[in-house]
Structures are given as structure tokens and as C-alpha cells.
């Protein structure tokens, strides 16, 4: 049996009144400042401990940006 890696996700502080910006009417939107820089860094570290790696697109020749 293979031991499964378990990483504790960092705590994220509650935020209120975050602005929602719609990009495509009501289908696509962004929400800025959901995570602080430190919260984002800790989540990335936790993901990398689980084996996540940065993946980039193959580029415009494949219809990707």
C-alpha cells in the first residue's frame, strides 16, 4: 500500500465587499483580492508539496494563449 501525502492547506482570512468585475456579461467574471499575497504563496507551496507543477500552454500555434 502506498502512503498518501497529506498537506494541510493554509488558513484564508474572511474578506467582505470584494468587487466583482464582469468580463462577458454574466458568464465570466473576476474577483480581485480574494487572497493576500501571503495566502496565495502558502497555497502554492502546499500544492507543490503535493506534486503540482507549473504548466504552460503550447502557444498560439495550437490555438492557445
Protein backbone atom coordinates (compact mmCIF):
# COMPACT_ATOMS: atom_id res chain seq x y z
CA UNK A 1 0.00 0.00 0.00
CA UNK A 2 1.38 3.42 -0.98
CA UNK A 3 1.33 6.09 1.71
CA UNK A 4 -0.67 9.12 0.62
CA UNK A 5 0.83 12.58 1.13
CA UNK A 6 -1.40 14.89 3.11
CA UNK A 7 -0.69 18.60 3.24
CA UNK A 8 -2.62 20.95 5.48
CA UNK A 9 -4.00 23.87 3.48
CA UNK A 10 -3.26 27.27 4.99
CA UNK A 11 -5.94 29.36 6.64
CA UNK A 12 -7.51 32.08 4.49
CA UNK A 13 -8.91 35.20 6.13
CA UNK A 14 -12.51 36.17 5.52
CA UNK A 15 -12.94 39.19 3.28
CA UNK A 16 -16.04 41.23 2.62
CA UNK A 17 -17.24 43.61 -0.05
CA UNK A 18 -14.91 42.32 -2.75
CA UNK A 19 -15.69 43.88 -6.13
CA UNK A 20 -16.95 41.57 -8.88
CA UNK A 21 -15.94 42.65 -12.37
CA UNK A 22 -17.87 41.08 -15.26
CA UNK A 23 -15.88 40.36 -18.40
CA UNK A 24 -18.59 38.71 -20.52
CA UNK A 25 -22.00 39.88 -19.33
CA UNK A 26 -22.90 37.42 -16.55
CA UNK A 27 -20.88 34.39 -17.73
CA UNK A 28 -17.29 35.38 -16.98
CA UNK A 29 -16.14 37.46 -14.03
CA UNK A 30 -13.14 38.19 -11.83
CA UNK A 31 -12.91 38.95 -8.13
CA UNK A 32 -9.78 40.84 -7.07
CA UNK A 33 -8.03 40.44 -3.72
CA UNK A 34 -9.66 37.15 -2.71
CA UNK A 35 -6.26 36.07 -1.37
CA UNK A 36 -3.47 38.15 0.10
CA UNK A 37 -0.01 37.65 -1.42
CA UNK A 38 1.00 35.62 1.63
CA UNK A 39 -2.13 33.41 1.44
CA UNK A 40 -1.52 32.78 -2.27
CA UNK A 41 2.14 31.94 -1.63
CA UNK A 42 1.22 29.45 1.11
CA UNK A 43 -1.41 27.75 -1.11
CA UNK A 44 1.13 27.43 -3.93
CA UNK A 45 3.66 25.92 -1.52
CA UNK A 46 1.06 23.41 -0.25
CA UNK A 47 0.14 22.44 -3.83
CA UNK A 48 3.77 21.98 -4.82
CA UNK A 49 4.31 19.70 -1.80
CA UNK A 50 1.55 17.53 -3.29
CA UNK A 51 3.38 17.36 -6.62
CA UNK A 52 1.63 20.13 -8.56
CA UNK A 53 3.89 21.76 -11.15
CA UNK A 54 3.58 24.88 -13.29
CA UNK A 55 2.06 24.07 -16.69
CA UNK A 56 2.19 26.45 -19.61
CA UNK A 57 0.26 26.44 -22.84
CA UNK A 58 1.67 25.14 -26.11
CA UNK A 59 1.17 28.60 -27.59
CA UNK A 60 -0.75 30.34 -30.39
CA UNK A 61 0.20 27.71 -32.98
CA UNK A 62 -2.12 25.34 -31.11
CA UNK A 63 -4.89 27.92 -30.58
CA UNK A 64 -3.80 28.61 -27.01
CA UNK A 65 -2.72 31.87 -25.42
